[in-house]
N, C-alpha and C. Protein backbone atom coordinates (compact mmCIF):
# COMPACT_ATOMS: atom_id res chain seq x y z
N MET A 1 0.83 -1.19 0.00
CA MET A 1 0.00 0.00 0.00
C MET A 1 0.87 1.24 0.00
N GLU A 2 0.42 2.27 -0.72
CA GLU A 2 1.16 3.52 -0.76
C GLU A 2 0.62 4.46 0.29
N PRO A 3 1.48 5.28 0.91
CA PRO A 3 0.95 6.28 1.82
C PRO A 3 0.19 7.33 1.04
N ALA A 4 -0.73 7.99 1.76
CA ALA A 4 -1.50 9.06 1.12
C ALA A 4 -0.56 10.18 0.72
N ALA A 5 -0.78 10.70 -0.44
CA ALA A 5 0.09 11.76 -0.94
C ALA A 5 -0.34 13.09 -0.40
N GLY A 6 0.62 13.96 -0.09
CA GLY A 6 0.30 15.30 0.36
C GLY A 6 -0.20 16.09 -0.82
N GLY A 7 -0.86 17.21 -0.52
CA GLY A 7 -1.34 18.06 -1.58
C GLY A 7 -2.73 17.71 -2.05
N GLN A 8 -3.28 16.60 -1.64
CA GLN A 8 -4.66 16.27 -1.96
C GLN A 8 -5.46 16.53 -0.71
N GLY A 9 -6.28 17.54 -0.72
CA GLY A 9 -6.93 17.87 0.52
C GLY A 9 -8.40 18.15 0.43
N ALA A 10 -8.99 18.14 -0.69
CA ALA A 10 -10.41 18.43 -0.77
C ALA A 10 -11.18 17.30 -0.12
N ALA A 11 -12.20 17.68 0.61
CA ALA A 11 -13.01 16.66 1.27
C ALA A 11 -13.59 15.73 0.22
N GLY A 12 -13.46 14.43 0.47
CA GLY A 12 -14.00 13.44 -0.43
C GLY A 12 -13.11 13.15 -1.63
N SER A 13 -11.94 13.76 -1.70
CA SER A 13 -11.06 13.49 -2.84
C SER A 13 -10.50 12.09 -2.73
N GLN A 14 -10.20 11.50 -3.87
CA GLN A 14 -9.65 10.16 -3.89
C GLN A 14 -8.18 10.21 -3.49
N VAL A 15 -7.81 9.45 -2.49
CA VAL A 15 -6.42 9.34 -2.07
C VAL A 15 -5.97 7.93 -2.41
N PRO A 16 -4.97 7.78 -3.28
CA PRO A 16 -4.57 6.42 -3.68
C PRO A 16 -3.94 5.67 -2.51
N LEU A 17 -4.58 4.58 -2.14
CA LEU A 17 -4.07 3.79 -1.02
C LEU A 17 -3.72 2.38 -1.46
N GLY A 18 -3.68 2.14 -2.76
CA GLY A 18 -3.35 0.80 -3.23
C GLY A 18 -4.44 -0.19 -2.90
N ASN A 19 -5.66 0.27 -2.76
CA ASN A 19 -6.76 -0.59 -2.37
C ASN A 19 -7.90 -0.37 -3.35
N PRO A 20 -7.96 -1.17 -4.43
CA PRO A 20 -8.98 -0.95 -5.45
C PRO A 20 -10.38 -1.27 -4.94
N GLY A 21 -11.36 -0.66 -5.57
CA GLY A 21 -12.74 -0.96 -5.23
C GLY A 21 -13.15 -0.44 -3.89
N THR A 22 -12.74 0.76 -3.55
CA THR A 22 -13.01 1.26 -2.20
C THR A 22 -14.06 2.35 -2.19
N LEU A 23 -15.15 2.12 -2.86
CA LEU A 23 -16.26 3.06 -2.76
C LEU A 23 -17.14 2.65 -1.60
N ALA A 24 -18.29 3.28 -1.47
CA ALA A 24 -19.16 3.02 -0.33
C ALA A 24 -19.41 1.53 -0.19
N ALA A 25 -19.31 1.04 1.02
CA ALA A 25 -19.50 -0.38 1.28
C ALA A 25 -20.98 -0.68 1.47
N PRO A 26 -21.60 -1.45 0.59
CA PRO A 26 -23.02 -1.73 0.73
C PRO A 26 -23.29 -2.54 1.99
N GLY A 27 -24.43 -2.28 2.60
CA GLY A 27 -24.82 -3.03 3.79
C GLY A 27 -24.16 -2.53 5.05
N THR A 28 -23.42 -1.44 4.98
CA THR A 28 -22.79 -0.92 6.20
C THR A 28 -23.24 0.50 6.47
N GLY A 29 -24.43 0.84 5.99
CA GLY A 29 -24.93 2.18 6.24
C GLY A 29 -24.46 3.17 5.20
N GLY A 30 -23.98 2.69 4.05
CA GLY A 30 -23.53 3.59 3.00
C GLY A 30 -24.66 4.50 2.57
N THR A 31 -24.33 5.70 2.14
CA THR A 31 -25.35 6.67 1.78
C THR A 31 -25.73 6.56 0.33
N GLY A 32 -25.05 5.74 -0.45
CA GLY A 32 -25.33 5.64 -1.85
C GLY A 32 -24.46 6.58 -2.68
N GLU A 33 -23.80 7.54 -2.03
CA GLU A 33 -22.90 8.43 -2.74
C GLU A 33 -21.56 7.73 -2.89
N ALA A 34 -21.00 7.80 -4.09
CA ALA A 34 -19.72 7.15 -4.33
C ALA A 34 -18.67 7.70 -3.40
N GLY A 35 -17.96 6.82 -2.72
CA GLY A 35 -16.85 7.22 -1.87
C GLY A 35 -17.25 7.68 -0.49
N LEU A 36 -18.53 7.75 -0.19
CA LEU A 36 -18.95 8.22 1.12
C LEU A 36 -19.28 7.00 1.98
N LEU A 37 -18.47 6.79 2.99
CA LEU A 37 -18.67 5.64 3.87
C LEU A 37 -19.91 5.81 4.72
N GLY A 38 -20.46 4.70 5.16
CA GLY A 38 -21.56 4.74 6.09
C GLY A 38 -21.12 5.42 7.38
N VAL A 39 -22.08 5.98 8.07
CA VAL A 39 -21.76 6.74 9.27
C VAL A 39 -21.24 5.83 10.38
N GLU A 40 -21.66 4.56 10.42
CA GLU A 40 -21.25 3.67 11.50
C GLU A 40 -19.73 3.46 11.56
N PRO A 41 -19.09 3.02 10.46
CA PRO A 41 -17.64 2.84 10.56
C PRO A 41 -16.89 4.16 10.69
N LEU A 42 -17.44 5.23 10.11
CA LEU A 42 -16.76 6.52 10.18
C LEU A 42 -16.76 7.06 11.61
N ILE A 43 -17.87 6.93 12.32
CA ILE A 43 -17.95 7.41 13.70
C ILE A 43 -17.05 6.57 14.60
N ALA A 44 -17.01 5.26 14.39
CA ALA A 44 -16.13 4.40 15.18
C ALA A 44 -14.67 4.80 14.96
N PHE A 45 -14.32 5.08 13.71
CA PHE A 45 -12.97 5.53 13.40
C PHE A 45 -12.66 6.86 14.10
N MET A 46 -13.59 7.80 13.99
CA MET A 46 -13.36 9.11 14.62
C MET A 46 -13.22 8.99 16.13
N ASP A 47 -14.01 8.14 16.75
CA ASP A 47 -13.92 7.95 18.19
C ASP A 47 -12.56 7.40 18.59
N ALA A 48 -12.05 6.47 17.80
CA ALA A 48 -10.73 5.90 18.09
C ALA A 48 -9.63 6.91 17.83
N CYS A 49 -9.79 7.75 16.81
CA CYS A 49 -8.76 8.71 16.43
C CYS A 49 -8.69 9.89 17.40
N VAL A 50 -9.84 10.37 17.83
CA VAL A 50 -9.89 11.56 18.69
C VAL A 50 -9.61 11.12 20.13
N ALA A 51 -8.34 10.87 20.42
CA ALA A 51 -7.96 10.42 21.75
C ALA A 51 -8.08 11.55 22.77
N ASP A 52 -7.84 12.75 22.33
CA ASP A 52 -8.01 13.92 23.20
C ASP A 52 -8.36 15.10 22.31
N ALA A 53 -8.68 16.22 22.93
CA ALA A 53 -9.13 17.38 22.18
C ALA A 53 -8.08 17.88 21.18
N GLY A 54 -6.80 17.58 21.40
CA GLY A 54 -5.75 18.05 20.52
C GLY A 54 -5.75 17.39 19.15
N LEU A 55 -6.42 16.26 18.99
CA LEU A 55 -6.45 15.55 17.71
C LEU A 55 -7.73 15.76 16.92
N VAL A 56 -8.65 16.55 17.42
CA VAL A 56 -9.94 16.72 16.75
C VAL A 56 -9.75 17.23 15.32
N GLY A 57 -9.05 18.32 15.15
CA GLY A 57 -8.84 18.89 13.82
C GLY A 57 -8.12 17.93 12.88
N PRO A 58 -6.96 17.40 13.29
CA PRO A 58 -6.27 16.46 12.42
C PRO A 58 -7.09 15.21 12.08
N CYS A 59 -7.86 14.69 13.02
CA CYS A 59 -8.66 13.50 12.74
C CYS A 59 -9.77 13.79 11.73
N HIS A 60 -10.45 14.92 11.87
CA HIS A 60 -11.49 15.27 10.91
C HIS A 60 -10.89 15.50 9.53
N CYS A 61 -9.75 16.18 9.48
CA CYS A 61 -9.07 16.42 8.21
C CYS A 61 -8.66 15.10 7.58
N ALA A 62 -8.06 14.20 8.36
CA ALA A 62 -7.63 12.90 7.85
C ALA A 62 -8.83 12.09 7.37
N ALA A 63 -9.92 12.14 8.11
CA ALA A 63 -11.13 11.41 7.70
C ALA A 63 -11.63 11.93 6.36
N ASP A 64 -11.61 13.25 6.17
CA ASP A 64 -12.03 13.81 4.89
C ASP A 64 -11.12 13.34 3.77
N ARG A 65 -9.83 13.24 4.03
CA ARG A 65 -8.87 12.84 3.00
C ARG A 65 -8.98 11.37 2.64
N ILE A 66 -9.23 10.52 3.62
CA ILE A 66 -9.23 9.08 3.37
C ILE A 66 -10.61 8.53 3.06
N GLU A 67 -11.65 9.28 3.35
CA GLU A 67 -13.00 8.73 3.23
C GLU A 67 -13.30 8.21 1.83
N GLY A 68 -12.88 8.89 0.81
CA GLY A 68 -13.17 8.45 -0.54
C GLY A 68 -12.33 7.28 -1.00
N GLY A 69 -11.32 6.88 -0.22
CA GLY A 69 -10.42 5.83 -0.65
C GLY A 69 -10.43 4.58 0.20
N LEU A 70 -11.34 4.49 1.15
CA LEU A 70 -11.35 3.33 2.05
C LEU A 70 -12.73 2.72 2.14
N THR A 71 -12.76 1.45 2.49
CA THR A 71 -14.02 0.77 2.77
C THR A 71 -14.19 0.71 4.28
N SER A 72 -15.34 0.25 4.71
CA SER A 72 -15.59 0.10 6.14
C SER A 72 -14.64 -0.94 6.74
N VAL A 73 -14.24 -1.94 5.98
CA VAL A 73 -13.30 -2.94 6.48
C VAL A 73 -11.94 -2.30 6.75
N ASP A 74 -11.50 -1.42 5.85
CA ASP A 74 -10.24 -0.71 6.07
C ASP A 74 -10.29 0.08 7.37
N LEU A 75 -11.41 0.78 7.60
CA LEU A 75 -11.53 1.59 8.82
C LEU A 75 -11.58 0.72 10.07
N GLU A 76 -12.19 -0.45 9.97
CA GLU A 76 -12.21 -1.36 11.12
C GLU A 76 -10.80 -1.79 11.49
N VAL A 77 -9.97 -2.06 10.50
CA VAL A 77 -8.58 -2.43 10.75
C VAL A 77 -7.85 -1.26 11.41
N PHE A 78 -8.04 -0.05 10.87
CA PHE A 78 -7.40 1.12 11.45
C PHE A 78 -7.85 1.33 12.89
N GLU A 79 -9.16 1.19 13.12
CA GLU A 79 -9.72 1.39 14.45
C GLU A 79 -9.12 0.38 15.44
N ASP A 80 -9.03 -0.89 15.03
CA ASP A 80 -8.45 -1.92 15.90
C ASP A 80 -7.01 -1.59 16.25
N ARG A 81 -6.24 -1.14 15.26
CA ARG A 81 -4.84 -0.78 15.51
C ARG A 81 -4.74 0.40 16.47
N MET A 82 -5.60 1.41 16.28
CA MET A 82 -5.53 2.60 17.12
C MET A 82 -5.94 2.29 18.55
N GLU A 83 -7.01 1.51 18.71
CA GLU A 83 -7.46 1.18 20.06
C GLU A 83 -6.48 0.25 20.76
N GLY A 84 -5.70 -0.51 20.00
CA GLY A 84 -4.74 -1.43 20.59
C GLY A 84 -3.39 -0.79 20.90
N GLY A 85 -3.31 0.50 20.93
CA GLY A 85 -2.04 1.14 21.28
C GLY A 85 -1.67 2.29 20.37
N LEU A 86 -2.67 2.92 19.77
CA LEU A 86 -2.44 4.07 18.89
C LEU A 86 -1.42 3.79 17.80
N GLU A 87 -1.54 2.62 17.19
CA GLU A 87 -0.71 2.30 16.02
C GLU A 87 -1.46 2.77 14.79
N PHE A 88 -0.85 3.66 14.03
CA PHE A 88 -1.49 4.17 12.83
C PHE A 88 -0.89 3.48 11.61
N SER A 89 -1.75 3.12 10.67
CA SER A 89 -1.28 2.54 9.42
C SER A 89 -0.49 3.61 8.67
N PRO A 90 0.35 3.22 7.73
CA PRO A 90 1.10 4.22 6.95
C PRO A 90 0.18 5.22 6.24
N GLU A 91 -0.96 4.74 5.72
CA GLU A 91 -1.89 5.62 5.03
C GLU A 91 -2.47 6.67 5.97
N LEU A 92 -2.92 6.21 7.11
CA LEU A 92 -3.53 7.12 8.07
C LEU A 92 -2.48 8.03 8.69
N ALA A 93 -1.32 7.50 8.97
CA ALA A 93 -0.24 8.33 9.52
C ALA A 93 0.12 9.45 8.56
N ALA A 94 0.19 9.14 7.26
CA ALA A 94 0.51 10.17 6.26
C ALA A 94 -0.58 11.24 6.23
N ALA A 95 -1.83 10.81 6.28
CA ALA A 95 -2.93 11.77 6.28
C ALA A 95 -2.89 12.64 7.53
N LEU A 96 -2.61 12.02 8.69
CA LEU A 96 -2.54 12.80 9.93
C LEU A 96 -1.37 13.78 9.93
N VAL A 97 -0.23 13.36 9.36
CA VAL A 97 0.91 14.27 9.26
C VAL A 97 0.55 15.45 8.36
N ASP A 98 -0.06 15.17 7.22
CA ASP A 98 -0.48 16.25 6.33
C ASP A 98 -1.48 17.19 7.00
N CYS A 99 -2.23 16.66 7.94
CA CYS A 99 -3.29 17.42 8.60
C CYS A 99 -2.89 17.94 9.99
N ARG A 100 -1.63 17.81 10.35
CA ARG A 100 -1.22 18.10 11.72
C ARG A 100 -1.56 19.51 12.19
N THR A 101 -1.66 20.47 11.29
CA THR A 101 -1.98 21.84 11.70
C THR A 101 -3.44 22.20 11.50
N ALA A 102 -4.24 21.24 11.09
CA ALA A 102 -5.67 21.51 10.84
C ALA A 102 -6.38 21.86 12.14
N GLY A 103 -7.19 22.86 12.07
CA GLY A 103 -8.00 23.23 13.21
C GLY A 103 -9.25 22.38 13.28
N PRO A 104 -9.98 22.49 14.36
CA PRO A 104 -11.22 21.72 14.47
C PRO A 104 -12.21 22.14 13.39
N PRO A 105 -13.09 21.22 13.04
CA PRO A 105 -14.09 21.57 12.02
C PRO A 105 -15.04 22.63 12.58
N PRO A 106 -15.79 23.27 11.71
CA PRO A 106 -16.77 24.25 12.20
C PRO A 106 -17.70 23.57 13.20
N GLY A 107 -18.03 24.31 14.23
CA GLY A 107 -18.94 23.76 15.24
C GLY A 107 -20.34 23.57 14.69
N TRP A 108 -21.10 22.80 15.37
CA TRP A 108 -22.49 22.60 14.97
C TRP A 108 -23.24 23.91 15.13
N SER A 109 -24.21 24.11 14.29
CA SER A 109 -25.06 25.30 14.41
C SER A 109 -25.93 25.13 15.66
N ASP A 110 -26.56 26.22 16.08
CA ASP A 110 -27.46 26.15 17.23
C ASP A 110 -28.58 25.14 16.97
N ALA A 111 -29.09 25.12 15.74
CA ALA A 111 -30.16 24.18 15.40
C ALA A 111 -29.66 22.73 15.50
N GLN A 112 -28.43 22.47 15.03
CA GLN A 112 -27.88 21.12 15.12
C GLN A 112 -27.66 20.72 16.58
N GLN A 113 -27.16 21.63 17.38
CA GLN A 113 -26.99 21.34 18.80
C GLN A 113 -28.33 21.02 19.44
N GLN A 114 -29.36 21.79 19.10
CA GLN A 114 -30.69 21.55 19.66
C GLN A 114 -31.23 20.20 19.19
N THR A 115 -30.99 19.85 17.93
CA THR A 115 -31.43 18.56 17.40
C THR A 115 -30.78 17.43 18.19
N TYR A 116 -29.47 17.55 18.44
CA TYR A 116 -28.76 16.53 19.21
C TYR A 116 -29.34 16.44 20.63
N LEU A 117 -29.49 17.59 21.28
CA LEU A 117 -30.00 17.59 22.66
C LEU A 117 -31.40 17.01 22.74
N ASP A 118 -32.25 17.33 21.77
CA ASP A 118 -33.60 16.78 21.77
C ASP A 118 -33.59 15.27 21.57
N ALA A 119 -32.77 14.79 20.63
CA ALA A 119 -32.69 13.35 20.38
C ALA A 119 -32.08 12.64 21.59
N CYS A 120 -31.09 13.25 22.19
CA CYS A 120 -30.40 12.64 23.33
C CYS A 120 -31.31 12.56 24.56
N SER A 121 -31.97 13.65 24.87
CA SER A 121 -32.75 13.69 26.10
C SER A 121 -34.13 13.08 25.96
N ALA A 122 -34.63 12.95 24.73
CA ALA A 122 -35.95 12.38 24.49
C ALA A 122 -37.00 12.99 25.42
N ASP A 123 -36.96 14.32 25.52
CA ASP A 123 -37.91 15.09 26.34
C ASP A 123 -37.84 14.77 27.82
N SER A 124 -36.71 14.29 28.28
CA SER A 124 -36.54 14.01 29.70
C SER A 124 -35.67 15.11 30.33
N ASP A 125 -36.24 15.82 31.29
CA ASP A 125 -35.48 16.86 31.97
C ASP A 125 -34.30 16.26 32.74
N ARG A 126 -34.44 15.02 33.18
CA ARG A 126 -33.36 14.36 33.93
C ARG A 126 -32.14 14.12 33.05
N LEU A 127 -32.36 13.84 31.78
CA LEU A 127 -31.25 13.57 30.87
C LEU A 127 -30.66 14.84 30.27
N ARG A 128 -31.36 15.96 30.34
CA ARG A 128 -30.93 17.18 29.66
C ARG A 128 -29.52 17.60 30.08
N GLY A 129 -29.19 17.55 31.37
CA GLY A 129 -27.86 17.94 31.84
C GLY A 129 -26.77 17.00 31.32
N LEU A 130 -27.05 15.69 31.34
CA LEU A 130 -26.08 14.73 30.83
C LEU A 130 -25.89 14.89 29.32
N CYS A 131 -26.97 15.17 28.64
CA CYS A 131 -26.88 15.37 27.19
C CYS A 131 -26.08 16.62 26.86
N ALA A 132 -26.27 17.67 27.65
CA ALA A 132 -25.49 18.90 27.45
C ALA A 132 -24.02 18.62 27.69
N CYS A 133 -23.70 17.80 28.69
CA CYS A 133 -22.32 17.42 28.97
C CYS A 133 -21.74 16.62 27.79
N SER A 134 -22.53 15.75 27.21
CA SER A 134 -22.05 14.88 26.14
C SER A 134 -21.91 15.61 24.80
N LEU A 135 -22.44 16.80 24.71
CA LEU A 135 -22.44 17.54 23.45
C LEU A 135 -21.03 17.81 22.94
N ALA A 136 -20.11 18.15 23.82
CA ALA A 136 -18.74 18.46 23.38
C ALA A 136 -18.08 17.25 22.73
N ARG A 137 -18.22 16.09 23.35
CA ARG A 137 -17.61 14.88 22.77
C ARG A 137 -18.29 14.51 21.46
N ALA A 138 -19.60 14.64 21.40
CA ALA A 138 -20.32 14.33 20.17
C ALA A 138 -19.84 15.22 19.03
N GLN A 139 -19.64 16.50 19.30
CA GLN A 139 -19.16 17.42 18.27
C GLN A 139 -17.74 17.09 17.85
N ASP A 140 -16.93 16.56 18.77
CA ASP A 140 -15.56 16.15 18.42
C ASP A 140 -15.56 14.96 17.46
N VAL A 141 -16.53 14.08 17.59
CA VAL A 141 -16.53 12.81 16.87
C VAL A 141 -17.42 12.83 15.62
N VAL A 142 -18.53 13.56 15.67
CA VAL A 142 -19.51 13.55 14.58
C VAL A 142 -19.41 14.85 13.78
N SER A 143 -19.12 14.75 12.50
CA SER A 143 -19.10 15.93 11.64
C SER A 143 -20.51 16.47 11.51
N ALA A 144 -20.61 17.78 11.41
CA ALA A 144 -21.92 18.42 11.32
C ALA A 144 -22.73 17.88 10.14
N HIS A 145 -22.06 17.63 9.01
CA HIS A 145 -22.80 17.16 7.83
C HIS A 145 -23.25 15.71 7.94
N ARG A 146 -22.81 14.99 8.97
CA ARG A 146 -23.23 13.59 9.16
C ARG A 146 -24.12 13.42 10.41
N LEU A 147 -24.49 14.52 11.08
CA LEU A 147 -25.26 14.44 12.33
C LEU A 147 -26.60 13.74 12.13
N THR A 148 -27.33 14.09 11.09
CA THR A 148 -28.64 13.49 10.86
C THR A 148 -28.52 11.98 10.69
N GLU A 149 -27.52 11.54 9.93
CA GLU A 149 -27.29 10.10 9.74
C GLU A 149 -26.95 9.44 11.07
N PHE A 150 -26.09 10.09 11.86
CA PHE A 150 -25.69 9.56 13.15
C PHE A 150 -26.91 9.35 14.04
N LEU A 151 -27.76 10.36 14.13
CA LEU A 151 -28.93 10.26 15.00
C LEU A 151 -29.95 9.25 14.50
N ALA A 152 -29.99 9.02 13.20
CA ALA A 152 -30.95 8.08 12.62
C ALA A 152 -30.50 6.62 12.70
N SER A 153 -29.22 6.39 12.92
CA SER A 153 -28.69 5.03 12.91
C SER A 153 -28.92 4.34 14.25
N ASN A 154 -29.33 3.09 14.17
CA ASN A 154 -29.50 2.28 15.37
C ASN A 154 -28.26 1.45 15.67
N ASP A 155 -27.32 1.40 14.73
CA ASP A 155 -26.16 0.52 14.86
C ASP A 155 -24.86 1.25 15.14
N VAL A 156 -24.87 2.56 15.19
CA VAL A 156 -23.62 3.31 15.32
C VAL A 156 -23.06 3.17 16.74
N ARG A 157 -21.77 2.98 16.82
CA ARG A 157 -21.04 2.94 18.09
C ARG A 157 -19.78 3.75 17.92
N PRO A 158 -19.50 4.70 18.75
CA PRO A 158 -20.26 5.04 19.95
C PRO A 158 -21.58 5.71 19.59
N ALA A 159 -22.56 5.47 20.42
CA ALA A 159 -23.88 6.06 20.26
C ALA A 159 -24.01 7.20 21.27
N VAL A 160 -25.16 7.85 21.23
CA VAL A 160 -25.43 8.93 22.19
C VAL A 160 -25.24 8.42 23.61
N VAL A 161 -25.66 7.20 23.89
CA VAL A 161 -25.51 6.62 25.22
C VAL A 161 -24.03 6.55 25.62
N ASP A 162 -23.18 6.18 24.68
CA ASP A 162 -21.74 6.12 24.97
C ASP A 162 -21.18 7.49 25.29
N PHE A 163 -21.68 8.53 24.59
CA PHE A 163 -21.22 9.89 24.89
C PHE A 163 -21.70 10.31 26.28
N ILE A 164 -22.93 9.94 26.64
CA ILE A 164 -23.46 10.26 27.97
C ILE A 164 -22.63 9.56 29.05
N ASN A 165 -22.25 8.31 28.80
CA ASN A 165 -21.48 7.56 29.79
C ASN A 165 -20.16 8.24 30.14
N LEU A 166 -19.60 9.00 29.20
CA LEU A 166 -18.37 9.73 29.49
C LEU A 166 -18.59 10.84 30.51
N CYS A 167 -19.83 11.22 30.71
CA CYS A 167 -20.17 12.30 31.64
C CYS A 167 -20.53 11.79 33.03
N LEU A 168 -20.64 10.49 33.19
CA LEU A 168 -21.01 9.92 34.49
C LEU A 168 -19.83 9.74 35.41
């Protein structure tokens, strides 16, 4: 496999990783758009990548760079390596190096934050405080443009419950 080349930075751009046939993986929550991975493997990858607040920008940038060139299986391998001791594949390491100075993505709009809080709390005043606490982590892991997919998925991990558990 070749490392990701620098200079390719548009979101969704194809990054040659020596892995043919890496468009959206059917049956894994793919959106039907070529190169756009399902939200489930992407959120799991982001959760593993964002070890602390200092990696939020680089992880989102790297995800944008690699998303068009990987399948959900590729991301599962990356996630397993990262969770097992922060071992990054050459492809992901190259993307993270290229993205090392990237700032965090734009924050969610007020409407998106309210959508998350409403979905999280399910009209429960008791959960509202925990959901507000979980909002920061959710914004670190879930891109604004994928929030609706994230909230609609029943199979995504980490889920809203996992974000709430970080606040307990």
